[in-house]
Amino acid sequence: MAMPAKQKTWTVSANNRIPFVTLNDTMSKYLFGVKEFLKTNGYTIAGSSNGTTGGTPGTPDGVDRWITSANVTTQGANAASAQSWVILTDGNGVQILLTYQGAAAQNARFSFSPGALFVVAATSQNQPTATDEQVFSPATNDVINSTGSLDRSWFGWVDSQSKLCRFAIARNQVFVGQLWGVELVASVVAGAGTTWSPAVWGFALPANSDTWAGGSVVGLARPTVSSSSVNVSAKWAVEQFGNSSTDTSIHNSKAEMQGALGFPVVPIGIGSTTAGGQGKLGNLYDFWYGRGSGGSDGDVYQNKQYVGVAGFRGNTGSLIWPWDGATTPVLY
């Protein structure tokens, strides 16, 4: 069946190979690559730490201290320890914090501040803080896969207005670690004193996990409800048929009423069951549910305009994201 029209114009950075040396080296090169990709595509540096200094405590100084990946090798065990970190500001005015923090080399911590409120700690190489911070990928998450062997390849997506970004990393022909991003959403939040501005969420999907059927929390957002900001956990909101989301549903059938030409591609939204902030949040841009089973990470569709990624139904290729129309994905 026909693929859905893309709602955004995307730049894709594909097949960024990281030859394996150590997990620390892999993480430093991955985080540095993410920073460079975003900086090249309209995100601005609010502040950074090379593990030795983060500048003056208080308001971030706008200096990019991640000159090479060697500046991203310092991992802190917790917030109050030296670590490599960077704050980027997107086209929504939202700040994104990437910090190399955790108990093992494959761990890192990702968060965002909707109000751009990050401040540098008194010991400036420690983790910055924000009163509205949303930690959508905590320092316990395995970001790059803990196996100490084989090369990785990372992939980045950013839209033409610098308001949406997403990332994935692969090892041994499949996506691993976390698929993550900080993105604008088409909000449906409404009501007296109830708004969502900027309508941005942060998400982290453990690769090949069943985040749909398990009812998992997949991201975080901070709308205003009854004139008060509330931190809400986001879950998927997806069209389904016959009260079923299993692989025997329409998602794994070539739909006769659409010409039996292919498997359905279904738009995805997000909603919240958080007390005091329940309801649908909005619809995601260029984020679809594809095959319920049988797909593979890196499958491309419609002349390489779309690609299959992991993180939805517990199998590879279950999500569909935009692709660049030219490149063959290589998942080292």
C-alpha atoms as a PDB file:
ATOM      1  CA  MET A   1       0.000   0.000   0.000  1.00  0.00           C
ATOM      2  CA  ALA A   2       1.079   3.611  -0.449  1.00  0.00           C
ATOM      3  CA  MET A   3       3.430   5.024   2.151  1.00  0.00           C
ATOM      4  CA  PRO A   4       2.307   8.114   4.099  1.00  0.00           C
ATOM      5  CA  ALA A   5       3.548  11.533   3.017  1.00  0.00           C
ATOM      6  CA  LYS A   6       6.382  12.936   5.103  1.00  0.00           C
ATOM      7  CA  GLN A   7       5.353  15.957   7.158  1.00  0.00           C
ATOM      8  CA  LYS A   8       8.869  17.293   7.703  1.00  0.00           C
ATOM      9  CA  THR A   9      11.992  17.785   5.596  1.00  0.00           C
ATOM     10  CA  TRP A  10      14.762  15.652   7.036  1.00  0.00           C
ATOM     11  CA  THR A  11      18.547  15.530   6.931  1.00  0.00           C
ATOM     12  CA  VAL A  12      19.829  12.030   7.637  1.00  0.00           C
ATOM     13  CA  SER A  13      23.370  11.236   8.742  1.00  0.00           C
ATOM     14  CA  ALA A  14      23.867   7.553   7.937  1.00  0.00           C
ATOM     15  CA  ASN A  15      26.407   4.768   8.397  1.00  0.00           C
ATOM     16  CA  ASN A  16      28.728   6.618  10.786  1.00  0.00           C
ATOM     17  CA  ARG A  17      31.086   3.777  11.618  1.00  0.00           C
ATOM     18  CA  ILE A  18      32.919   3.637  14.956  1.00  0.00           C
ATOM     19  CA  PRO A  19      35.667   0.991  14.846  1.00  0.00           C
ATOM     20  CA  PHE A  20      35.651  -0.808  18.179  1.00  0.00           C
ATOM     21  CA  VAL A  21      38.505  -0.111  20.594  1.00  0.00           C
ATOM     22  CA  THR A  22      36.796   0.159  23.991  1.00  0.00           C
ATOM     23  CA  LEU A  23      33.289   1.022  25.148  1.00  0.00           C
ATOM     24  CA  ASN A  24      34.586   4.335  26.479  1.00  0.00           C
ATOM     25  CA  ASP A  25      36.040   5.155  23.072  1.00  0.00           C
ATOM     26  CA  THR A  26      32.817   4.130  21.335  1.00  0.00           C
ATOM     27  CA  MET A  27      30.692   6.280  23.633  1.00  0.00           C
ATOM     28  CA  SER A  28      32.953   9.299  23.308  1.00  0.00           C
ATOM     29  CA  LYS A  29      32.876   9.115  19.513  1.00  0.00           C
ATOM     30  CA  TYR A  30      29.121   8.565  19.440  1.00  0.00           C
ATOM     31  CA  LEU A  31      28.314  11.519  21.714  1.00  0.00           C
ATOM     32  CA  PHE A  32      30.777  13.736  19.880  1.00  0.00           C
ATOM     33  CA  GLY A  33      29.239  12.743  16.543  1.00  0.00           C
ATOM     34  CA  VAL A  34      25.736  13.525  17.812  1.00  0.00           C
ATOM     35  CA  LYS A  35      26.882  16.959  18.998  1.00  0.00           C
ATOM     36  CA  GLU A  36      28.604  17.757  15.703  1.00  0.00           C
ATOM     37  CA  PHE A  37      25.596  16.639  13.650  1.00  0.00           C
ATOM     38  CA  LEU A  38      23.189  18.800  15.643  1.00  0.00           C
ATOM     39  CA  LYS A  39      25.530  21.794  15.659  1.00  0.00           C
ATOM     40  CA  THR A  40      25.924  21.544  11.885  1.00  0.00           C
ATOM     41  CA  ASN A  41      22.150  21.484  11.456  1.00  0.00           C
ATOM     42  CA  GLY A  42      21.042  24.559  13.400  1.00  0.00           C
ATOM     43  CA  TYR A  43      21.337  23.593  17.062  1.00  0.00           C
ATOM     44  CA  THR A  44      23.390  26.023  19.118  1.00  0.00           C
ATOM     45  CA  ILE A  45      25.795  25.284  21.954  1.00  0.00           C
ATOM     46  CA  ALA A  46      24.564  26.707  25.259  1.00  0.00           C
ATOM     47  CA  GLY A  47      27.495  25.339  27.253  1.00  0.00           C
ATOM     48  CA  SER A  48      29.753  22.320  27.687  1.00  0.00           C
ATOM     49  CA  SER A  49      32.330  20.543  29.820  1.00  0.00           C
ATOM     50  CA  ASN A  50      35.378  18.649  28.591  1.00  0.00           C
ATOM     51  CA  GLY A  51      35.559  16.814  31.907  1.00  0.00           C
ATOM     52  CA  THR A  52      37.920  19.404  33.389  1.00  0.00           C
ATOM     53  CA  THR A  53      35.922  22.633  33.196  1.00  0.00           C
ATOM     54  CA  GLY A  54      32.434  23.743  32.260  1.00  0.00           C
ATOM     55  CA  GLY A  55      33.140  27.442  32.443  1.00  0.00           C
ATOM     56  CA  THR A  56      31.633  29.810  34.993  1.00  0.00           C
ATOM     57  CA  PRO A  57      28.971  28.480  37.396  1.00  0.00           C
ATOM     58  CA  GLY A  58      25.465  29.760  36.712  1.00  0.00           C
ATOM     59  CA  THR A  59      24.320  30.672  33.206  1.00  0.00           C
ATOM     60  CA  PRO A  60      26.043  28.484  30.567  1.00  0.00           C
ATOM     61  CA  ASP A  61      28.686  30.433  28.637  1.00  0.00           C
ATOM     62  CA  GLY A  62      27.981  29.196  25.087  1.00  0.00           C
ATOM     63  CA  VAL A  63      31.441  27.666  24.642  1.00  0.00           C
ATOM     64  CA  ASP A  64      31.856  24.362  22.796  1.00  0.00           C
ATOM     65  CA  ARG A  65      34.596  22.478  24.646  1.00  0.00           C
ATOM     66  CA  TRP A  66      33.942  19.261  22.735  1.00  0.00           C
ATOM     67  CA  ILE A  67      36.651  19.968  20.154  1.00  0.00           C
ATOM     68  CA  THR A  68      37.362  16.281  19.500  1.00  0.00           C
ATOM     69  CA  SER A  69      36.020  13.027  20.901  1.00  0.00           C
ATOM     70  CA  ALA A  70      38.940  13.077  23.362  1.00  0.00           C
ATOM     71  CA  ASN A  71      36.988  15.800  25.213  1.00  0.00           C
ATOM     72  CA  VAL A  72      34.072  13.378  25.732  1.00  0.00           C
ATOM     73  CA  THR A  73      35.860  10.564  27.561  1.00  0.00           C
ATOM     74  CA  THR A  74      35.247  11.659  31.167  1.00  0.00           C
ATOM     75  CA  GLN A  75      32.406   9.693  32.724  1.00  0.00           C
ATOM     76  CA  GLY A  76      30.988  10.652  36.096  1.00  0.00           C
ATOM     77  CA  ALA A  77      29.346   8.142  38.419  1.00  0.00           C
ATOM     78  CA  ASN A  78      26.684  10.667  39.474  1.00  0.00           C
ATOM     79  CA  ALA A  79      25.660  14.317  39.221  1.00  0.00           C
ATOM     80  CA  ALA A  80      28.286  15.485  41.701  1.00  0.00           C
ATOM     81  CA  SER A  81      31.316  14.204  39.819  1.00  0.00           C
ATOM     82  CA  ALA A  82      33.386  15.392  36.872  1.00  0.00           C
ATOM     83  CA  GLN A  83      31.936  14.429  33.495  1.00  0.00           C
ATOM     84  CA  SER A  84      31.837  15.443  29.860  1.00  0.00           C
ATOM     85  CA  TRP A  85      28.571  17.247  29.099  1.00  0.00           C
ATOM     86  CA  VAL A  86      27.055  19.519  26.469  1.00  0.00           C
ATOM     87  CA  ILE A  87      23.864  21.601  26.358  1.00  0.00           C
ATOM     88  CA  LEU A  88      22.346  22.290  22.930  1.00  0.00           C
ATOM     89  CA  THR A  89      19.412  24.589  22.148  1.00  0.00           C
ATOM     90  CA  ASP A  90      17.001  23.559  19.404  1.00  0.00           C
ATOM     91  CA  GLY A  91      14.665  25.549  17.162  1.00  0.00           C
ATOM     92  CA  ASN A  92      11.884  25.287  19.752  1.00  0.00           C
ATOM     93  CA  GLY A  93      14.056  27.105  22.302  1.00  0.00           C
ATOM     94  CA  VAL A  94      14.383  23.860  24.270  1.00  0.00           C
ATOM     95  CA  GLN A  95      17.734  22.879  25.798  1.00  0.00           C
ATOM     96  CA  ILE A  96      19.003  19.304  25.477  1.00  0.00           C
ATOM     97  CA  LEU A  97      21.628  17.986  27.907  1.00  0.00           C
ATOM     98  CA  LEU A  98      23.869  15.082  26.896  1.00  0.00           C
ATOM     99  CA  THR A  99      26.136  14.014  29.733  1.00  0.00           C
ATOM    100  CA  TYR A 100      28.475  11.060  30.062  1.00  0.00           C
ATOM    101  CA  GLN A 101      27.225   9.736  33.380  1.00  0.00           C
ATOM    102  CA  GLY A 102      26.682   6.263  34.778  1.00  0.00           C
ATOM    103  CA  ALA A 103      28.208   3.244  36.450  1.00  0.00           C
ATOM    104  CA  ALA A 104      29.562   1.575  33.295  1.00  0.00           C
ATOM    105  CA  ALA A 105      31.084   2.825  30.051  1.00  0.00           C
ATOM    106  CA  GLN A 106      27.952   2.053  28.000  1.00  0.00           C
ATOM    107  CA  ASN A 107      25.811   4.328  30.192  1.00  0.00           C
ATOM    108  CA  ALA A 108      24.996   7.994  29.564  1.00  0.00           C
ATOM    109  CA  ARG A 109      22.257  10.401  30.652  1.00  0.00           C
ATOM    110  CA  PHE A 110      19.985  12.433  28.310  1.00  0.00           C
ATOM    111  CA  SER A 111      17.470  15.086  29.362  1.00  0.00           C
ATOM    112  CA  PHE A 112      15.841  18.315  28.231  1.00  0.00           C
ATOM    113  CA  SER A 113      14.655  21.582  29.740  1.00  0.00           C
ATOM    114  CA  PRO A 114      11.515  22.962  28.012  1.00  0.00           C
ATOM    115  CA  GLY A 115      12.174  26.416  29.485  1.00  0.00           C
ATOM    116  CA  ALA A 116      15.912  26.438  28.677  1.00  0.00           C
ATOM    117  CA  LEU A 117      16.678  26.664  32.387  1.00  0.00           C
ATOM    118  CA  PHE A 118      19.911  24.686  32.713  1.00  0.00           C
ATOM    119  CA  VAL A 119      22.508  26.207  35.033  1.00  0.00           C
ATOM    120  CA  VAL A 120      26.139  25.211  35.474  1.00  0.00           C
ATOM    121  CA  ALA A 121      27.009  23.682  38.851  1.00  0.00           C
ATOM    122  CA  ALA A 122      29.315  25.394  41.356  1.00  0.00           C
ATOM    123  CA  THR A 123      31.900  22.812  40.315  1.00  0.00           C
ATOM    124  CA  SER A 124      31.434  23.462  36.644  1.00  0.00           C
ATOM    125  CA  GLN A 125      32.539  20.079  35.287  1.00  0.00           C
ATOM    126  CA  ASN A 126      29.739  18.402  37.235  1.00  0.00           C
ATOM    127  CA  GLN A 127      26.258  17.806  35.822  1.00  0.00           C
ATOM    128  CA  PRO A 128      24.167  20.944  35.138  1.00  0.00           C
ATOM    129  CA  THR A 129      20.661  21.159  36.603  1.00  0.00           C
ATOM    130  CA  ALA A 130      17.298  22.687  35.619  1.00  0.00           C
ATOM    131  CA  THR A 131      14.136  23.091  37.665  1.00  0.00           C
ATOM    132  CA  ASP A 132      12.036  21.773  34.766  1.00  0.00           C
ATOM    133  CA  GLU A 133      14.434  19.031  33.648  1.00  0.00           C
ATOM    134  CA  GLN A 134      12.942  15.912  32.021  1.00  0.00           C
ATOM    135  CA  VAL A 135      15.329  12.943  32.242  1.00  0.00           C
ATOM    136  CA  PHE A 136      13.946  10.774  29.453  1.00  0.00           C
ATOM    137  CA  SER A 137      17.012   8.495  29.350  1.00  0.00           C
ATOM    138  CA  PRO A 138      18.553   8.058  32.822  1.00  0.00           C
ATOM    139  CA  ALA A 139      22.186   7.218  33.540  1.00  0.00           C
ATOM    140  CA  THR A 140      21.274   3.554  34.055  1.00  0.00           C
ATOM    141  CA  ASN A 141      20.367   3.111  30.373  1.00  0.00           C
ATOM    142  CA  ASP A 142      22.639   1.113  28.091  1.00  0.00           C
ATOM    143  CA  VAL A 143      23.036   3.528  25.163  1.00  0.00           C
ATOM    144  CA  ILE A 144      25.488   1.717  22.869  1.00  0.00           C
ATOM    145  CA  ASN A 145      25.222  -1.981  23.926  1.00  0.00           C
ATOM    146  CA  SER A 146      27.468  -3.356  26.630  1.00  0.00           C
ATOM    147  CA  THR A 147      29.157  -6.051  24.547  1.00  0.00           C
ATOM    148  CA  GLY A 148      32.850  -5.263  24.341  1.00  0.00           C
ATOM    149  CA  SER A 149      33.413  -6.189  20.712  1.00  0.00           C
ATOM    150  CA  LEU A 150      32.488  -5.299  17.124  1.00  0.00           C
ATOM    151  CA  ASP A 151      32.166  -1.929  15.449  1.00  0.00           C
ATOM    152  CA  ARG A 152      29.111   0.290  15.816  1.00  0.00           C
ATOM    153  CA  SER A 153      27.366   2.535  13.299  1.00  0.00           C
ATOM    154  CA  TRP A 154      25.206   5.466  14.318  1.00  0.00           C
ATOM    155  CA  PHE A 155      22.454   7.298  12.499  1.00  0.00           C
ATOM    156  CA  GLY A 156      20.982  10.768  13.046  1.00  0.00           C
ATOM    157  CA  TRP A 157      17.869  12.562  11.824  1.00  0.00           C
ATOM    158  CA  VAL A 158      17.135  16.303  12.089  1.00  0.00           C
ATOM    159  CA  ASP A 159      14.409  18.373  10.469  1.00  0.00           C
ATOM    160  CA  SER A 160      14.953  21.544   8.453  1.00  0.00           C
ATOM    161  CA  GLN A 161      13.773  23.812  11.300  1.00  0.00           C
ATOM    162  CA  SER A 162      15.998  22.167  13.934  1.00  0.00           C
ATOM    163  CA  LYS A 163      12.913  21.271  15.967  1.00  0.00           C
ATOM    164  CA  LEU A 164      13.093  17.479  15.793  1.00  0.00           C
ATOM    165  CA  CYS A 165      16.031  15.113  16.199  1.00  0.00           C
ATOM    166  CA  ARG A 166      16.345  11.375  16.674  1.00  0.00           C
ATOM    167  CA  PHE A 167      19.211   8.900  16.842  1.00  0.00           C
ATOM    168  CA  ALA A 168      19.941   5.177  16.583  1.00  0.00           C
ATOM    169  CA  ILE A 169      23.062   3.022  16.889  1.00  0.00           C
ATOM    170  CA  ALA A 170      23.664  -0.441  15.464  1.00  0.00           C
ATOM    171  CA  ARG A 171      25.883  -3.432  16.157  1.00  0.00           C
ATOM    172  CA  ASN A 172      26.008  -6.758  14.311  1.00  0.00           C
ATOM    173  CA  GLN A 173      23.211  -5.923  11.830  1.00  0.00           C
ATOM    174  CA  VAL A 174      20.602  -4.697  14.339  1.00  0.00           C
ATOM    175  CA  PHE A 175      19.878  -1.518  16.254  1.00  0.00           C
ATOM    176  CA  VAL A 176      20.992  -1.725  19.876  1.00  0.00           C
ATOM    177  CA  GLY A 177      21.045   0.394  23.014  1.00  0.00           C
ATOM    178  CA  GLN A 178      18.554   3.253  22.836  1.00  0.00           C
ATOM    179  CA  LEU A 179      16.656   4.846  19.970  1.00  0.00           C
ATOM    180  CA  TRP A 180      16.143   8.349  21.323  1.00  0.00           C
ATOM    181  CA  GLY A 181      15.234  11.912  20.435  1.00  0.00           C
ATOM    182  CA  VAL A 182      13.814  15.269  21.484  1.00  0.00           C
ATOM    183  CA  GLU A 183      11.058  16.378  19.128  1.00  0.00           C
ATOM    184  CA  LEU A 184       8.188  18.740  18.483  1.00  0.00           C
ATOM    185  CA  VAL A 185       4.748  17.096  18.597  1.00  0.00           C
ATOM    186  CA  ALA A 186       1.498  18.085  16.872  1.00  0.00           C
ATOM    187  CA  SER A 187      -0.266  18.901  20.138  1.00  0.00           C
ATOM    188  CA  VAL A 188      -3.945  18.233  20.852  1.00  0.00           C
ATOM    189  CA  VAL A 189      -3.693  19.586  24.423  1.00  0.00           C
ATOM    190  CA  ALA A 190      -6.521  22.058  25.103  1.00  0.00           C
ATOM    191  CA  GLY A 191      -8.794  23.418  27.814  1.00  0.00           C
ATOM    192  CA  ALA A 192      -9.046  26.271  30.282  1.00  0.00           C
ATOM    193  CA  GLY A 193      -5.553  26.970  31.563  1.00  0.00           C
ATOM    194  CA  THR A 194      -4.287  23.833  29.813  1.00  0.00           C
ATOM    195  CA  THR A 195      -1.537  24.291  27.229  1.00  0.00           C
ATOM    196  CA  TRP A 196       1.629  22.657  25.981  1.00  0.00           C
ATOM    197  CA  SER A 197       4.206  25.117  24.720  1.00  0.00           C
ATOM    198  CA  PRO A 198       6.661  24.262  23.435  1.00  0.00           C
ATOM    199  CA  ALA A 199       4.993  20.946  22.582  1.00  0.00           C
ATOM    200  CA  VAL A 200       8.172  18.891  22.896  1.00  0.00           C
ATOM    201  CA  TRP A 201       8.803  15.430  24.251  1.00  0.00           C
ATOM    202  CA  GLY A 202      11.952  13.384  24.834  1.00  0.00           C
ATOM    203  CA  PHE A 203      11.907   9.647  24.147  1.00  0.00           C
ATOM    204  CA  ALA A 204      14.198   6.648  24.625  1.00  0.00           C
ATOM    205  CA  LEU A 205      13.262   3.233  23.261  1.00  0.00           C
ATOM    206  CA  PRO A 206      15.313   0.175  24.231  1.00  0.00           C
ATOM    207  CA  ALA A 207      16.053  -1.440  20.881  1.00  0.00           C
ATOM    208  CA  ASN A 208      13.914  -4.506  20.076  1.00  0.00           C
ATOM    209  CA  SER A 209      11.783  -4.128  23.194  1.00  0.00           C
ATOM    210  CA  ASP A 210       7.997  -4.462  23.114  1.00  0.00           C
ATOM    211  CA  THR A 211       7.118  -0.951  24.249  1.00  0.00           C
ATOM    212  CA  TRP A 212       3.598  -1.136  22.772  1.00  0.00           C
ATOM    213  CA  ALA A 213       2.029  -4.314  24.138  1.00  0.00           C
ATOM    214  CA  GLY A 214       3.771  -3.833  27.465  1.00  0.00           C
ATOM    215  CA  GLY A 215       2.257  -0.373  27.941  1.00  0.00           C
ATOM    216  CA  SER A 216       5.697   1.012  28.615  1.00  0.00           C
ATOM    217  CA  VAL A 217       6.559   4.615  29.388  1.00  0.00           C
ATOM    218  CA  VAL A 218       8.472   5.686  26.271  1.00  0.00           C
ATOM    219  CA  GLY A 219       9.089   9.377  26.945  1.00  0.00           C
ATOM    220  CA  LEU A 220       8.450  12.482  29.023  1.00  0.00           C
ATOM    221  CA  ALA A 221       6.764  15.842  28.525  1.00  0.00           C
ATOM    222  CA  ARG A 222       5.812  18.901  30.600  1.00  0.00           C
ATOM    223  CA  PRO A 223       2.446  20.458  29.678  1.00  0.00           C
ATOM    224  CA  THR A 224       0.535  23.012  31.735  1.00  0.00           C
ATOM    225  CA  VAL A 225      -2.693  21.729  33.293  1.00  0.00           C
ATOM    226  CA  SER A 226      -5.060  24.118  35.043  1.00  0.00           C
ATOM    227  CA  SER A 227      -2.330  26.790  34.877  1.00  0.00           C
ATOM    228  CA  SER A 228       0.253  24.587  36.604  1.00  0.00           C
ATOM    229  CA  SER A 229       3.146  22.746  34.912  1.00  0.00           C
ATOM    230  CA  VAL A 230       3.067  18.986  35.351  1.00  0.00           C
ATOM    231  CA  ASN A 231       5.641  16.330  34.470  1.00  0.00           C
ATOM    232  CA  VAL A 232       3.921  13.526  32.569  1.00  0.00           C
ATOM    233  CA  SER A 233       5.036  10.129  31.343  1.00  0.00           C
ATOM    234  CA  ALA A 234       4.164   9.407  27.730  1.00  0.00           C
ATOM    235  CA  LYS A 235       2.865   6.140  26.294  1.00  0.00           C
ATOM    236  CA  TRP A 236       1.998   5.174  22.724  1.00  0.00           C
ATOM    237  CA  ALA A 237      -1.394   5.931  21.190  1.00  0.00           C
ATOM    238  CA  VAL A 238      -1.953   3.838  18.049  1.00  0.00           C
ATOM    239  CA  GLU A 239      -4.878   2.955  15.761  1.00  0.00           C
ATOM    240  CA  GLN A 240      -5.657  -0.749  15.990  1.00  0.00           C
ATOM    241  CA  PHE A 241      -8.328  -3.106  14.745  1.00  0.00           C
ATOM    242  CA  GLY A 242     -10.402  -5.765  16.455  1.00  0.00           C
ATOM    243  CA  ASN A 243      -9.154  -4.768  19.901  1.00  0.00           C
ATOM    244  CA  SER A 244      -5.848  -6.409  19.069  1.00  0.00           C
ATOM    245  CA  SER A 245      -2.268  -5.218  18.877  1.00  0.00           C
ATOM    246  CA  THR A 246      -0.742  -8.651  18.365  1.00  0.00           C
ATOM    247  CA  ASP A 247       1.068  -9.839  15.262  1.00  0.00           C
ATOM    248  CA  THR A 248      -2.159 -11.477  14.011  1.00  0.00           C
ATOM    249  CA  SER A 249      -3.703  -8.004  13.686  1.00  0.00           C
ATOM    250  CA  ILE A 250      -3.922  -5.939  10.541  1.00  0.00           C
ATOM    251  CA  HIS A 251      -0.356  -4.764  11.117  1.00  0.00           C
ATOM    252  CA  ASN A 252       0.956  -8.051   9.762  1.00  0.00           C
ATOM    253  CA  SER A 253      -1.506  -8.500   6.901  1.00  0.00           C
ATOM    254  CA  LYS A 254      -1.521  -7.165   3.371  1.00  0.00           C
ATOM    255  CA  ALA A 255      -4.772  -5.237   3.549  1.00  0.00           C
ATOM    256  CA  GLU A 256      -7.147  -6.195   0.750  1.00  0.00           C
ATOM    257  CA  MET A 257      -9.117  -2.965   1.004  1.00  0.00           C
ATOM    258  CA  GLN A 258      -5.946  -1.036   0.262  1.00  0.00           C
ATOM    259  CA  GLY A 259      -5.147  -3.160  -2.773  1.00  0.00           C
ATOM    260  CA  ALA A 260      -3.193  -5.903  -0.956  1.00  0.00           C
ATOM    261  CA  LEU A 261      -0.050  -4.074  -2.067  1.00  0.00           C
ATOM    262  CA  GLY A 262       1.783  -4.105   1.235  1.00  0.00           C
ATOM    263  CA  PHE A 263       1.585  -3.945   4.997  1.00  0.00           C
ATOM    264  CA  PRO A 264      -0.210  -1.019   6.681  1.00  0.00           C
ATOM    265  CA  VAL A 265       1.851   1.872   7.995  1.00  0.00           C
ATOM    266  CA  VAL A 266       0.007   3.464  10.906  1.00  0.00           C
ATOM    267  CA  PRO A 267       0.694   6.937  12.405  1.00  0.00           C
ATOM    268  CA  ILE A 268       1.650   7.033  16.086  1.00  0.00           C
ATOM    269  CA  GLY A 269       0.590   9.463  18.799  1.00  0.00           C
ATOM    270  CA  ILE A 270       1.360   9.753  22.498  1.00  0.00           C
ATOM    271  CA  GLY A 271      -0.779  10.108  25.601  1.00  0.00           C
ATOM    272  CA  SER A 272      -0.416  10.213  29.360  1.00  0.00           C
ATOM    273  CA  THR A 273      -1.934   8.293  32.252  1.00  0.00           C
ATOM    274  CA  THR A 274      -0.124  10.445  34.836  1.00  0.00           C
ATOM    275  CA  ALA A 275      -2.497  11.603  37.593  1.00  0.00           C
ATOM    276  CA  GLY A 276      -3.385  15.243  37.031  1.00  0.00           C
ATOM    277  CA  GLY A 277      -2.202  15.078  33.417  1.00  0.00           C
ATOM    278  CA  GLN A 278      -4.186  12.318  31.748  1.00  0.00           C
ATOM    279  CA  GLY A 279      -5.197  12.287  28.097  1.00  0.00           C
ATOM    280  CA  LYS A 280      -3.804  12.393  24.604  1.00  0.00           C
ATOM    281  CA  LEU A 281      -0.812  14.693  24.184  1.00  0.00           C
ATOM    282  CA  GLY A 282      -0.538  14.766  20.414  1.00  0.00           C
ATOM    283  CA  ASN A 283       0.513  13.094  17.184  1.00  0.00           C
ATOM    284  CA  LEU A 284       4.135  12.414  16.287  1.00  0.00           C
ATOM    285  CA  TYR A 285       5.681  13.686  13.082  1.00  0.00           C
ATOM    286  CA  ASP A 286       6.914  11.046  10.621  1.00  0.00           C
ATOM    287  CA  PHE A 287       6.800   8.233  13.161  1.00  0.00           C
ATOM    288  CA  TRP A 288       4.847   5.127  12.106  1.00  0.00           C
ATOM    289  CA  TYR A 289       4.093   1.566  13.164  1.00  0.00           C
ATOM    290  CA  GLY A 290       4.972  -0.846  10.368  1.00  0.00           C
ATOM    291  CA  ARG A 291       5.060  -4.640  10.308  1.00  0.00           C
ATOM    292  CA  GLY A 292       4.078  -6.535  13.423  1.00  0.00           C
ATOM    293  CA  SER A 293       6.656  -9.211  12.609  1.00  0.00           C
ATOM    294  CA  GLY A 294       8.924 -10.235   9.775  1.00  0.00           C
ATOM    295  CA  GLY A 295      10.626  -6.896   9.257  1.00  0.00           C
ATOM    296  CA  SER A 296      14.322  -6.179   9.736  1.00  0.00           C
ATOM    297  CA  ASP A 297      16.287  -3.198  10.956  1.00  0.00           C
ATOM    298  CA  GLY A 298      17.531  -1.248   7.974  1.00  0.00           C
ATOM    299  CA  ASP A 299      14.786  -2.403   5.578  1.00  0.00           C
ATOM    300  CA  VAL A 300      14.108   0.438   3.132  1.00  0.00           C
ATOM    301  CA  TYR A 301      10.838   1.197   1.382  1.00  0.00           C
ATOM    302  CA  GLN A 302       9.576   3.224  -1.570  1.00  0.00           C
ATOM    303  CA  ASN A 303      12.899   3.938  -3.277  1.00  0.00           C
ATOM    304  CA  LYS A 304      14.724   4.370   0.045  1.00  0.00           C
ATOM    305  CA  GLN A 305      12.380   7.092   1.290  1.00  0.00           C
ATOM    306  CA  TYR A 306      11.609   5.171   4.515  1.00  0.00           C
ATOM    307  CA  VAL A 307      13.531   2.815   6.804  1.00  0.00           C
ATOM    308  CA  GLY A 308      12.613   0.190   9.391  1.00  0.00           C
ATOM    309  CA  VAL A 309      13.964   0.604  12.938  1.00  0.00           C
ATOM    310  CA  ALA A 310      13.511  -1.277  16.214  1.00  0.00           C
ATOM    311  CA  GLY A 311      11.851  -0.418  19.502  1.00  0.00           C
ATOM    312  CA  PHE A 312       8.115  -0.988  19.141  1.00  0.00           C
ATOM    313  CA  ARG A 313       6.852  -4.573  19.027  1.00  0.00           C
ATOM    314  CA  GLY A 314       9.835  -6.472  20.380  1.00  0.00           C
ATOM    315  CA  ASN A 315      11.204  -7.259  16.931  1.00  0.00           C
ATOM    316  CA  THR A 316      13.434  -5.564  14.417  1.00  0.00           C
ATOM    317  CA  GLY A 317      12.075  -3.111  11.861  1.00  0.00           C
ATOM    318  CA  SER A 318       8.739  -2.565  13.621  1.00  0.00           C
ATOM    319  CA  LEU A 319       8.906   1.238  13.427  1.00  0.00           C
ATOM    320  CA  ILE A 320       9.094   3.219  10.191  1.00  0.00           C
ATOM    321  CA  TRP A 321      11.116   6.449  10.071  1.00  0.00           C
ATOM    322  CA  PRO A 322      11.972   8.732   7.130  1.00  0.00           C
ATOM    323  CA  TRP A 323      15.045   7.978   5.023  1.00  0.00           C
ATOM    324  CA  ASP A 324      17.045   9.992   2.500  1.00  0.00           C
ATOM    325  CA  GLY A 325      16.048   8.380  -0.807  1.00  0.00           C
ATOM    326  CA  ALA A 326      19.605   7.429  -1.732  1.00  0.00           C
ATOM    327  CA  THR A 327      21.658   5.652   0.924  1.00  0.00           C
ATOM    328  CA  THR A 328      21.751   1.952   1.726  1.00  0.00           C
ATOM    329  CA  PRO A 329      21.827   1.573   5.524  1.00  0.00           C
ATOM    330  CA  VAL A 330      24.853  -0.336   6.839  1.00  0.00           C
ATOM    331  CA  LEU A 331      24.361  -1.729  10.331  1.00  0.00           C
ATOM    332  CA  TYR A 332      27.894  -2.814  11.292  1.00  0.00           C
END
